[in-house]
């Protein structure tokens, strides 16, 4: 589980706030008319399938690696795992995934 700081880049993302799980995010984005916004990806987090699945099932659980990320405004961590949807996470100074989004297709 590594976090890598990267050269910032813009990504269009639709976000769900304080979602309990990835399925919650997907359902909310499917049902509600959530407008895409520009997110500034400043770091990536590479997870194993097991780590990703545990994270995706409990987005509001405290995590040390999110506590260390103090992204401001539109800064996000891109959470990656082969074969899984990329997640864009704003912690907003907390130790949990306060806001989670999916890239606009």
PDB file of N, CA and C in Angstrom:
ATOM      1  N   UNK A   1       0.844  -1.158   0.000  1.00  0.00           N
ATOM      2  CA  UNK A   1       0.000   0.000   0.000  1.00  0.00           C
ATOM      3  C   UNK A   1       0.898   1.233   0.000  1.00  0.00           C
ATOM      4  N   UNK A   2       1.071   1.827  -1.168  1.00  0.00           N
ATOM      5  CA  UNK A   2       1.966   2.975  -1.266  1.00  0.00           C
ATOM      6  C   UNK A   2       1.211   4.221  -1.719  1.00  0.00           C
ATOM      7  N   UNK A   3       1.576   5.345  -1.133  1.00  0.00           N
ATOM      8  CA  UNK A   3       1.044   6.636  -1.551  1.00  0.00           C
ATOM      9  C   UNK A   3       2.166   7.370  -2.260  1.00  0.00           C
ATOM     10  N   UNK A   4       1.873   7.884  -3.435  1.00  0.00           N
ATOM     11  CA  UNK A   4       2.871   8.565  -4.231  1.00  0.00           C
ATOM     12  C   UNK A   4       2.387   9.968  -4.559  1.00  0.00           C
ATOM     13  N   UNK A   5       3.208  10.953  -4.254  1.00  0.00           N
ATOM     14  CA  UNK A   5       2.896  12.315  -4.659  1.00  0.00           C
ATOM     15  C   UNK A   5       3.231  12.446  -6.131  1.00  0.00           C
ATOM     16  N   UNK A   6       2.341  13.064  -6.892  1.00  0.00           N
ATOM     17  CA  UNK A   6       2.544  13.170  -8.328  1.00  0.00           C
ATOM     18  C   UNK A   6       2.455  14.631  -8.764  1.00  0.00           C
ATOM     19  N   UNK A   7       2.869  14.881  -9.995  1.00  0.00           N
ATOM     20  CA  UNK A   7       2.659  16.198 -10.583  1.00  0.00           C
ATOM     21  C   UNK A   7       1.153  16.375 -10.712  1.00  0.00           C
ATOM     22  N   UNK A   8       0.594  17.432 -10.125  1.00  0.00           N
ATOM     23  CA  UNK A   8      -0.860  17.606 -10.141  1.00  0.00           C
ATOM     24  C   UNK A   8      -1.434  17.598 -11.557  1.00  0.00           C
ATOM     25  N   UNK A   9      -2.613  16.985 -11.683  1.00  0.00           N
ATOM     26  CA  UNK A   9      -3.331  16.966 -12.954  1.00  0.00           C
ATOM     27  C   UNK A   9      -4.831  17.051 -12.672  1.00  0.00           C
ATOM     28  N   UNK A  10      -5.546  17.630 -13.621  1.00  0.00           N
ATOM     29  CA  UNK A  10      -6.992  17.777 -13.483  1.00  0.00           C
ATOM     30  C   UNK A  10      -7.715  16.517 -13.942  1.00  0.00           C
ATOM     31  N   UNK A  11      -8.832  16.230 -13.278  1.00  0.00           N
ATOM     32  CA  UNK A  11      -9.675  15.094 -13.622  1.00  0.00           C
ATOM     33  C   UNK A  11     -11.121  15.505 -13.369  1.00  0.00           C
ATOM     34  N   UNK A  12     -12.001  15.255 -14.326  1.00  0.00           N
ATOM     35  CA  UNK A  12     -13.429  15.512 -14.118  1.00  0.00           C
ATOM     36  C   UNK A  12     -14.012  14.343 -13.326  1.00  0.00           C
ATOM     37  N   UNK A  13     -14.664  14.678 -12.198  1.00  0.00           N
ATOM     38  CA  UNK A  13     -15.146  13.660 -11.268  1.00  0.00           C
ATOM     39  C   UNK A  13     -16.545  14.044 -10.783  1.00  0.00           C
ATOM     40  N   UNK A  14     -17.373  13.033 -10.566  1.00  0.00           N
ATOM     41  CA  UNK A  14     -18.657  13.213  -9.889  1.00  0.00           C
ATOM     42  C   UNK A  14     -18.494  12.634  -8.486  1.00  0.00           C
ATOM     43  N   UNK A  15     -18.828  13.433  -7.463  1.00  0.00           N
ATOM     44  CA  UNK A  15     -18.582  13.055  -6.075  1.00  0.00           C
ATOM     45  C   UNK A  15     -19.853  12.760  -5.296  1.00  0.00           C
ATOM     46  N   UNK A  16     -19.717  11.865  -4.329  1.00  0.00           N
ATOM     47  CA  UNK A  16     -20.744  11.599  -3.321  1.00  0.00           C
ATOM     48  C   UNK A  16     -20.114  11.921  -1.967  1.00  0.00           C
ATOM     49  N   UNK A  17     -20.870  12.566  -1.109  1.00  0.00           N
ATOM     50  CA  UNK A  17     -20.349  13.014   0.185  1.00  0.00           C
ATOM     51  C   UNK A  17     -20.781  12.059   1.295  1.00  0.00           C
ATOM     52  N   UNK A  18     -19.826  11.691   2.134  1.00  0.00           N
ATOM     53  CA  UNK A  18     -20.042  10.829   3.294  1.00  0.00           C
ATOM     54  C   UNK A  18     -20.785   9.534   2.947  1.00  0.00           C
ATOM     55  N   UNK A  19     -20.351   8.910   1.875  1.00  0.00           N
ATOM     56  CA  UNK A  19     -20.931   7.625   1.450  1.00  0.00           C
ATOM     57  C   UNK A  19     -20.334   6.501   2.282  1.00  0.00           C
ATOM     58  N   UNK A  20     -21.145   5.543   2.631  1.00  0.00           N
ATOM     59  CA  UNK A  20     -20.678   4.432   3.455  1.00  0.00           C
ATOM     60  C   UNK A  20     -19.833   3.430   2.701  1.00  0.00           C
ATOM     61  N   UNK A  21     -20.112   3.284   1.382  1.00  0.00           N
ATOM     62  CA  UNK A  21     -19.417   2.262   0.606  1.00  0.00           C
ATOM     63  C   UNK A  21     -19.378   2.667  -0.863  1.00  0.00           C
ATOM     64  N   UNK A  22     -18.598   1.934  -1.644  1.00  0.00           N
ATOM     65  CA  UNK A  22     -18.538   2.190  -3.079  1.00  0.00           C
ATOM     66  C   UNK A  22     -19.902   1.955  -3.718  1.00  0.00           C
ATOM     67  N   UNK A  23     -20.616   0.928  -3.286  1.00  0.00           N
ATOM     68  CA  UNK A  23     -21.943   0.682  -3.863  1.00  0.00           C
ATOM     69  C   UNK A  23     -22.875   1.858  -3.569  1.00  0.00           C
ATOM     70  N   UNK A  24     -22.711   2.503  -2.425  1.00  0.00           N
ATOM     71  CA  UNK A  24     -23.489   3.698  -2.074  1.00  0.00           C
ATOM     72  C   UNK A  24     -23.151   4.827  -3.057  1.00  0.00           C
ATOM     73  N   UNK A  25     -21.862   5.027  -3.306  1.00  0.00           N
ATOM     74  CA  UNK A  25     -21.414   6.065  -4.248  1.00  0.00           C
ATOM     75  C   UNK A  25     -22.013   5.797  -5.622  1.00  0.00           C
ATOM     76  N   UNK A  26     -21.892   4.581  -6.100  1.00  0.00           N
ATOM     77  CA  UNK A  26     -22.396   4.227  -7.431  1.00  0.00           C
ATOM     78  C   UNK A  26     -23.904   4.431  -7.532  1.00  0.00           C
ATOM     79  N   UNK A  27     -24.630   4.043  -6.501  1.00  0.00           N
ATOM     80  CA  UNK A  27     -26.082   4.214  -6.495  1.00  0.00           C
ATOM     81  C   UNK A  27     -26.448   5.702  -6.493  1.00  0.00           C
ATOM     82  N   UNK A  28     -25.797   6.490  -5.654  1.00  0.00           N
ATOM     83  CA  UNK A  28     -26.093   7.916  -5.571  1.00  0.00           C
ATOM     84  C   UNK A  28     -25.800   8.617  -6.895  1.00  0.00           C
ATOM     85  N   UNK A  29     -24.682   8.281  -7.518  1.00  0.00           N
ATOM     86  CA  UNK A  29     -24.329   8.914  -8.788  1.00  0.00           C
ATOM     87  C   UNK A  29     -25.249   8.465  -9.919  1.00  0.00           C
ATOM     88  N   UNK A  30     -25.792   7.264  -9.815  1.00  0.00           N
ATOM     89  CA  UNK A  30     -26.702   6.749 -10.830  1.00  0.00           C
ATOM     90  C   UNK A  30     -28.086   7.405 -10.699  1.00  0.00           C
ATOM     91  N   UNK A  31     -28.531   7.641  -9.469  1.00  0.00           N
ATOM     92  CA  UNK A  31     -29.880   8.131  -9.209  1.00  0.00           C
ATOM     93  C   UNK A  31     -29.976   9.658  -9.222  1.00  0.00           C
ATOM     94  N   UNK A  32     -28.993  10.330  -8.659  1.00  0.00           N
ATOM     95  CA  UNK A  32     -29.043  11.786  -8.531  1.00  0.00           C
ATOM     96  C   UNK A  32     -28.335  12.474  -9.693  1.00  0.00           C
ATOM     97  N   UNK A  33     -28.728  13.674  -9.963  1.00  0.00           N
ATOM     98  CA  UNK A  33     -28.099  14.472 -11.017  1.00  0.00           C
ATOM     99  C   UNK A  33     -26.911  15.229 -10.413  1.00  0.00           C
ATOM    100  N   UNK A  34     -25.833  14.513 -10.174  1.00  0.00           N
ATOM    101  CA  UNK A  34     -24.635  15.106  -9.580  1.00  0.00           C
ATOM    102  C   UNK A  34     -23.763  15.655 -10.696  1.00  0.00           C
ATOM    103  N   UNK A  35     -23.496  16.928 -10.641  1.00  0.00           N
ATOM    104  CA  UNK A  35     -22.680  17.559 -11.683  1.00  0.00           C
ATOM    105  C   UNK A  35     -21.207  17.219 -11.513  1.00  0.00           C
ATOM    106  N   UNK A  36     -20.522  16.998 -12.613  1.00  0.00           N
ATOM    107  CA  UNK A  36     -19.074  16.758 -12.525  1.00  0.00           C
ATOM    108  C   UNK A  36     -18.351  18.037 -12.132  1.00  0.00           C
ATOM    109  N   UNK A  37     -17.233  17.863 -11.491  1.00  0.00           N
ATOM    110  CA  UNK A  37     -16.391  18.995 -11.129  1.00  0.00           C
ATOM    111  C   UNK A  37     -14.936  18.642 -11.371  1.00  0.00           C
ATOM    112  N   UNK A  38     -14.124  19.662 -11.448  1.00  0.00           N
ATOM    113  CA  UNK A  38     -12.695  19.439 -11.651  1.00  0.00           C
ATOM    114  C   UNK A  38     -12.051  19.108 -10.310  1.00  0.00           C
ATOM    115  N   UNK A  39     -11.357  17.998 -10.281  1.00  0.00           N
ATOM    116  CA  UNK A  39     -10.582  17.597  -9.107  1.00  0.00           C
ATOM    117  C   UNK A  39      -9.110  17.685  -9.481  1.00  0.00           C
ATOM    118  N   UNK A  40      -8.297  18.087  -8.542  1.00  0.00           N
ATOM    119  CA  UNK A  40      -6.857  18.166  -8.757  1.00  0.00           C
ATOM    120  C   UNK A  40      -6.210  16.949  -8.095  1.00  0.00           C
ATOM    121  N   UNK A  41      -5.795  15.992  -8.920  1.00  0.00           N
ATOM    122  CA  UNK A  41      -5.163  14.777  -8.405  1.00  0.00           C
ATOM    123  C   UNK A  41      -3.722  15.120  -8.038  1.00  0.00           C
ATOM    124  N   UNK A  42      -3.396  15.009  -6.751  1.00  0.00           N
ATOM    125  CA  UNK A  42      -2.052  15.365  -6.278  1.00  0.00           C
ATOM    126  C   UNK A  42      -1.284  14.165  -5.740  1.00  0.00           C
ATOM    127  N   UNK A  43      -1.994  13.024  -5.573  1.00  0.00           N
ATOM    128  CA  UNK A  43      -1.335  11.821  -5.065  1.00  0.00           C
ATOM    129  C   UNK A  43      -2.110  10.601  -5.534  1.00  0.00           C
ATOM    130  N   UNK A  44      -1.416   9.470  -5.571  1.00  0.00           N
ATOM    131  CA  UNK A  44      -2.060   8.203  -5.892  1.00  0.00           C
ATOM    132  C   UNK A  44      -1.828   7.228  -4.745  1.00  0.00           C
ATOM    133  N   UNK A  45      -2.775   6.341  -4.563  1.00  0.00           N
ATOM    134  CA  UNK A  45      -2.675   5.296  -3.547  1.00  0.00           C
ATOM    135  C   UNK A  45      -2.930   3.974  -4.246  1.00  0.00           C
ATOM    136  N   UNK A  46      -1.910   3.130  -4.302  1.00  0.00           N
ATOM    137  CA  UNK A  46      -2.029   1.819  -4.935  1.00  0.00           C
ATOM    138  C   UNK A  46      -2.345   0.777  -3.870  1.00  0.00           C
ATOM    139  N   UNK A  47      -3.452   0.064  -4.066  1.00  0.00           N
ATOM    140  CA  UNK A  47      -3.892  -0.945  -3.116  1.00  0.00           C
ATOM    141  C   UNK A  47      -3.956  -2.307  -3.778  1.00  0.00           C
ATOM    142  N   UNK A  48      -3.807  -3.340  -2.981  1.00  0.00           N
ATOM    143  CA  UNK A  48      -4.048  -4.694  -3.465  1.00  0.00           C
ATOM    144  C   UNK A  48      -5.563  -4.868  -3.579  1.00  0.00           C
ATOM    145  N   UNK A  49      -6.003  -5.926  -4.235  1.00  0.00           N
ATOM    146  CA  UNK A  49      -7.439  -6.185  -4.370  1.00  0.00           C
ATOM    147  C   UNK A  49      -8.091  -6.315  -2.993  1.00  0.00           C
ATOM    148  N   UNK A  50      -7.440  -6.993  -2.095  1.00  0.00           N
ATOM    149  CA  UNK A  50      -7.976  -7.176  -0.741  1.00  0.00           C
ATOM    150  C   UNK A  50      -8.092  -5.837  -0.009  1.00  0.00           C
ATOM    151  N   UNK A  51      -7.053  -5.011  -0.092  1.00  0.00           N
ATOM    152  CA  UNK A  51      -7.074  -3.697   0.549  1.00  0.00           C
ATOM    153  C   UNK A  51      -8.146  -2.796  -0.065  1.00  0.00           C
ATOM    154  N   UNK A  52      -8.230  -2.810  -1.396  1.00  0.00           N
ATOM    155  CA  UNK A  52      -9.219  -1.987  -2.090  1.00  0.00           C
ATOM    156  C   UNK A  52     -10.634  -2.386  -1.683  1.00  0.00           C
ATOM    157  N   UNK A  53     -10.909  -3.687  -1.695  1.00  0.00           N
ATOM    158  CA  UNK A  53     -12.249  -4.158  -1.352  1.00  0.00           C
ATOM    159  C   UNK A  53     -12.618  -3.782   0.079  1.00  0.00           C
ATOM    160  N   UNK A  54     -11.672  -3.887   1.004  1.00  0.00           N
ATOM    161  CA  UNK A  54     -11.933  -3.496   2.389  1.00  0.00           C
ATOM    162  C   UNK A  54     -12.204  -1.992   2.481  1.00  0.00           C
ATOM    163  N   UNK A  55     -11.432  -1.198   1.758  1.00  0.00           N
ATOM    164  CA  UNK A  55     -11.629   0.249   1.734  1.00  0.00           C
ATOM    165  C   UNK A  55     -12.995   0.582   1.134  1.00  0.00           C
ATOM    166  N   UNK A  56     -13.329  -0.026  -0.003  1.00  0.00           N
ATOM    167  CA  UNK A  56     -14.579   0.267  -0.715  1.00  0.00           C
ATOM    168  C   UNK A  56     -15.815  -0.126   0.085  1.00  0.00           C
ATOM    169  N   UNK A  57     -15.696  -1.090   0.967  1.00  0.00           N
ATOM    170  CA  UNK A  57     -16.838  -1.524   1.781  1.00  0.00           C
ATOM    171  C   UNK A  57     -17.074  -0.627   2.980  1.00  0.00           C
ATOM    172  N   UNK A  58     -16.025   0.082   3.442  1.00  0.00           N
ATOM    173  CA  UNK A  58     -16.145   0.929   4.631  1.00  0.00           C
ATOM    174  C   UNK A  58     -15.404   2.245   4.408  1.00  0.00           C
ATOM    175  N   UNK A  59     -15.969   3.110   3.575  1.00  0.00           N
ATOM    176  CA  UNK A  59     -15.309   4.369   3.239  1.00  0.00           C
ATOM    177  C   UNK A  59     -15.197   5.321   4.429  1.00  0.00           C
ATOM    178  N   UNK A  60     -16.085   5.200   5.408  1.00  0.00           N
ATOM    179  CA  UNK A  60     -16.077   6.120   6.543  1.00  0.00           C
ATOM    180  C   UNK A  60     -15.191   5.649   7.696  1.00  0.00           C
ATOM    181  N   UNK A  61     -14.537   4.515   7.526  1.00  0.00           N
ATOM    182  CA  UNK A  61     -13.631   4.011   8.562  1.00  0.00           C
ATOM    183  C   UNK A  61     -12.345   4.822   8.586  1.00  0.00           C
ATOM    184  N   UNK A  62     -11.810   5.075   9.774  1.00  0.00           N
ATOM    185  CA  UNK A  62     -10.562   5.836   9.925  1.00  0.00           C
ATOM    186  C   UNK A  62      -9.396   5.075   9.311  1.00  0.00           C
ATOM    187  N   UNK A  63      -8.563   5.829   8.584  1.00  0.00           N
ATOM    188  CA  UNK A  63      -7.375   5.252   7.955  1.00  0.00           C
ATOM    189  C   UNK A  63      -6.204   6.207   8.133  1.00  0.00           C
ATOM    190  N   UNK A  64      -5.073   5.657   8.567  1.00  0.00           N
ATOM    191  CA  UNK A  64      -3.890   6.486   8.818  1.00  0.00           C
ATOM    192  C   UNK A  64      -3.439   7.224   7.562  1.00  0.00           C
ATOM    193  N   UNK A  65      -3.462   6.562   6.415  1.00  0.00           N
ATOM    194  CA  UNK A  65      -2.962   7.192   5.197  1.00  0.00           C
ATOM    195  C   UNK A  65      -3.828   8.366   4.761  1.00  0.00           C
ATOM    196  N   UNK A  66      -5.090   8.392   5.150  1.00  0.00           N
ATOM    197  CA  UNK A  66      -5.921   9.560   4.849  1.00  0.00           C
ATOM    198  C   UNK A  66      -5.690  10.677   5.858  1.00  0.00           C
ATOM    199  N   UNK A  67      -5.372  10.317   7.082  1.00  0.00           N
ATOM    200  CA  UNK A  67      -5.082  11.329   8.096  1.00  0.00           C
ATOM    201  C   UNK A  67      -3.844  12.128   7.702  1.00  0.00           C
ATOM    202  N   UNK A  68      -2.918  11.479   7.018  1.00  0.00           N
ATOM    203  CA  UNK A  68      -1.687  12.150   6.590  1.00  0.00           C
ATOM    204  C   UNK A  68      -1.901  13.036   5.365  1.00  0.00           C
ATOM    205  N   UNK A  69      -3.035  12.871   4.680  1.00  0.00           N
ATOM    206  CA  UNK A  69      -3.314  13.653   3.479  1.00  0.00           C
ATOM    207  C   UNK A  69      -4.199  14.831   3.863  1.00  0.00           C
ATOM    208  N   UNK A  70      -3.665  16.028   3.750  1.00  0.00           N
ATOM    209  CA  UNK A  70      -4.453  17.207   4.122  1.00  0.00           C
ATOM    210  C   UNK A  70      -4.799  18.042   2.896  1.00  0.00           C
ATOM    211  N   UNK A  71      -5.321  17.360   1.880  1.00  0.00           N
ATOM    212  CA  UNK A  71      -5.683  18.036   0.640  1.00  0.00           C
ATOM    213  C   UNK A  71      -6.624  19.197   0.873  1.00  0.00           C
ATOM    214  N   UNK A  72      -6.411  20.257   0.151  1.00  0.00           N
ATOM    215  CA  UNK A  72      -7.263  21.432   0.283  1.00  0.00           C
ATOM    216  C   UNK A  72      -8.085  21.623  -0.988  1.00  0.00           C
ATOM    217  N   UNK A  73      -9.184  22.299  -0.850  1.00  0.00           N
ATOM    218  CA  UNK A  73     -10.085  22.626  -1.969  1.00  0.00           C
ATOM    219  C   UNK A  73     -10.395  21.411  -2.824  1.00  0.00           C
ATOM    220  N   UNK A  74      -9.870  21.381  -4.005  1.00  0.00           N
ATOM    221  CA  UNK A  74     -10.203  20.324  -4.959  1.00  0.00           C
ATOM    222  C   UNK A  74      -9.125  19.244  -5.047  1.00  0.00           C
ATOM    223  N   UNK A  75      -8.184  19.207  -4.099  1.00  0.00           N
ATOM    224  CA  UNK A  75      -7.125  18.196  -4.138  1.00  0.00           C
ATOM    225  C   UNK A  75      -7.663  16.836  -3.704  1.00  0.00           C
ATOM    226  N   UNK A  76      -7.277  15.813  -4.473  1.00  0.00           N
ATOM    227  CA  UNK A  76      -7.746  14.456  -4.193  1.00  0.00           C
ATOM    228  C   UNK A  76      -6.602  13.454  -4.275  1.00  0.00           C
ATOM    229  N   UNK A  77      -6.837  12.314  -3.641  1.00  0.00           N
ATOM    230  CA  UNK A  77      -5.981  11.140  -3.786  1.00  0.00           C
ATOM    231  C   UNK A  77      -6.702  10.196  -4.741  1.00  0.00           C
ATOM    232  N   UNK A  78      -5.992   9.724  -5.736  1.00  0.00           N
ATOM    233  CA  UNK A  78      -6.540   8.744  -6.676  1.00  0.00           C
ATOM    234  C   UNK A  78      -6.219   7.357  -6.127  1.00  0.00           C
ATOM    235  N   UNK A  79      -7.251   6.590  -5.789  1.00  0.00           N
ATOM    236  CA  UNK A  79      -7.073   5.251  -5.222  1.00  0.00           C
ATOM    237  C   UNK A  79      -7.205   4.248  -6.361  1.00  0.00           C
ATOM    238  N   UNK A  80      -6.137   3.441  -6.551  1.00  0.00           N
ATOM    239  CA  UNK A  80      -6.064   2.551  -7.709  1.00  0.00           C
ATOM    240  C   UNK A  80      -5.863   1.099  -7.300  1.00  0.00           C
ATOM    241  N   UNK A  81      -6.451   0.228  -8.124  1.00  0.00           N
ATOM    242  CA  UNK A  81      -6.251  -1.211  -7.988  1.00  0.00           C
ATOM    243  C   UNK A  81      -6.602  -1.824  -9.334  1.00  0.00           C
ATOM    244  N   UNK A  82      -5.761  -2.686  -9.878  1.00  0.00           N
ATOM    245  CA  UNK A  82      -6.075  -3.314 -11.162  1.00  0.00           C
ATOM    246  C   UNK A  82      -7.432  -4.018 -11.129  1.00  0.00           C
ATOM    247  N   UNK A  83      -8.236  -3.767 -12.162  1.00  0.00           N
ATOM    248  CA  UNK A  83      -9.527  -4.424 -12.272  1.00  0.00           C
ATOM    249  C   UNK A  83     -10.641  -3.812 -11.448  1.00  0.00           C
ATOM    250  N   UNK A  84     -10.360  -2.700 -10.774  1.00  0.00           N
ATOM    251  CA  UNK A  84     -11.360  -2.022  -9.952  1.00  0.00           C
ATOM    252  C   UNK A  84     -11.500  -0.572 -10.426  1.00  0.00           C
ATOM    253  N   UNK A  85     -12.674   0.050 -10.180  1.00  0.00           N
ATOM    254  CA  UNK A  85     -12.824   1.454 -10.579  1.00  0.00           C
ATOM    255  C   UNK A  85     -11.885   2.354  -9.775  1.00  0.00           C
ATOM    256  N   UNK A  86     -11.308   3.343 -10.451  1.00  0.00           N
ATOM    257  CA  UNK A  86     -10.475   4.314  -9.744  1.00  0.00           C
ATOM    258  C   UNK A  86     -11.375   5.214  -8.915  1.00  0.00           C
ATOM    259  N   UNK A  87     -10.959   5.454  -7.678  1.00  0.00           N
ATOM    260  CA  UNK A  87     -11.707   6.316  -6.775  1.00  0.00           C
ATOM    261  C   UNK A  87     -10.934   7.603  -6.557  1.00  0.00           C
ATOM    262  N   UNK A  88     -11.653   8.690  -6.399  1.00  0.00           N
ATOM    263  CA  UNK A  88     -11.044   9.988  -6.136  1.00  0.00           C
ATOM    264  C   UNK A  88     -11.555  10.433  -4.774  1.00  0.00           C
ATOM    265  N   UNK A  89     -10.624  10.588  -3.818  1.00  0.00           N
ATOM    266  CA  UNK A  89     -10.993  10.779  -2.425  1.00  0.00           C
ATOM    267  C   UNK A  89     -10.520  12.134  -1.910  1.00  0.00           C
ATOM    268  N   UNK A  90     -11.464  12.845  -1.273  1.00  0.00           N
ATOM    269  CA  UNK A  90     -11.152  14.060  -0.528  1.00  0.00           C
ATOM    270  C   UNK A  90     -11.324  13.709   0.943  1.00  0.00           C
ATOM    271  N   UNK A  91     -10.300  13.945   1.733  1.00  0.00           N
ATOM    272  CA  UNK A  91     -10.439  13.660   3.163  1.00  0.00           C
ATOM    273  C   UNK A  91     -10.837  14.916   3.937  1.00  0.00           C
ATOM    274  N   UNK A  92     -10.587  16.083   3.370  1.00  0.00           N
ATOM    275  CA  UNK A  92     -10.933  17.371   3.993  1.00  0.00           C
ATOM    276  C   UNK A  92     -10.424  17.460   5.429  1.00  0.00           C
ATOM    277  N   UNK A  93      -9.188  17.015   5.644  1.00  0.00           N
ATOM    278  CA  UNK A  93      -8.559  17.122   6.961  1.00  0.00           C
ATOM    279  C   UNK A  93      -8.985  16.063   7.957  1.00  0.00           C
ATOM    280  N   UNK A  94      -9.721  15.056   7.504  1.00  0.00           N
ATOM    281  CA  UNK A  94     -10.149  13.988   8.405  1.00  0.00           C
ATOM    282  C   UNK A  94      -9.325  12.731   8.118  1.00  0.00           C
ATOM    283  N   UNK A  95      -9.618  11.666   8.846  1.00  0.00           N
ATOM    284  CA  UNK A  95      -8.907  10.406   8.627  1.00  0.00           C
ATOM    285  C   UNK A  95      -9.794   9.373   7.926  1.00  0.00           C
ATOM    286  N   UNK A  96     -10.858   9.855   7.263  1.00  0.00           N
ATOM    287  CA  UNK A  96     -11.732   8.958   6.510  1.00  0.00           C
ATOM    288  C   UNK A  96     -12.041   9.588   5.151  1.00  0.00           C
ATOM    289  N   UNK A  97     -12.673   8.810   4.289  1.00  0.00           N
ATOM    290  CA  UNK A  97     -12.998   9.284   2.936  1.00  0.00           C
ATOM    291  C   UNK A  97     -14.252  10.151   3.002  1.00  0.00           C
ATOM    292  N   UNK A  98     -14.074  11.417   3.287  1.00  0.00           N
ATOM    293  CA  UNK A  98     -15.187  12.368   3.446  1.00  0.00           C
ATOM    294  C   UNK A  98     -16.014  12.464   2.171  1.00  0.00           C
ATOM    295  N   UNK A  99     -15.344  12.557   1.037  1.00  0.00           N
ATOM    296  CA  UNK A  99     -16.000  12.679  -0.252  1.00  0.00           C
ATOM    297  C   UNK A  99     -15.305  11.729  -1.219  1.00  0.00           C
ATOM    298  N   UNK A 100     -16.093  10.916  -1.923  1.00  0.00           N
ATOM    299  CA  UNK A 100     -15.536   9.922  -2.849  1.00  0.00           C
ATOM    300  C   UNK A 100     -16.212  10.102  -4.206  1.00  0.00           C
ATOM    301  N   UNK A 101     -15.405  10.055  -5.249  1.00  0.00           N
ATOM    302  CA  UNK A 101     -15.964  10.231  -6.583  1.00  0.00           C
ATOM    303  C   UNK A 101     -15.433   9.232  -7.586  1.00  0.00           C
ATOM    304  N   UNK A 102     -16.111   9.222  -8.717  1.00  0.00           N
ATOM    305  CA  UNK A 102     -15.723   8.405  -9.864  1.00  0.00           C
ATOM    306  C   UNK A 102     -15.503   9.333 -11.050  1.00  0.00           C
ATOM    307  N   UNK A 103     -14.565   8.975 -11.884  1.00  0.00           N
ATOM    308  CA  UNK A 103     -14.250   9.789 -13.052  1.00  0.00           C
ATOM    309  C   UNK A 103     -15.455   9.844 -13.994  1.00  0.00           C
ATOM    310  N   UNK A 104     -15.597  10.981 -14.658  1.00  0.00           N
ATOM    311  CA  UNK A 104     -16.648  11.137 -15.654  1.00  0.00           C
ATOM    312  C   UNK A 104     -16.198  10.397 -16.902  1.00  0.00           C
ATOM    313  N   UNK A 105     -17.062   9.574 -17.429  1.00  0.00           N
ATOM    314  CA  UNK A 105     -16.713   8.777 -18.608  1.00  0.00           C
ATOM    315  C   UNK A 105     -17.047   9.515 -19.884  1.00  0.00           C
TER     316      UNK A 105
END
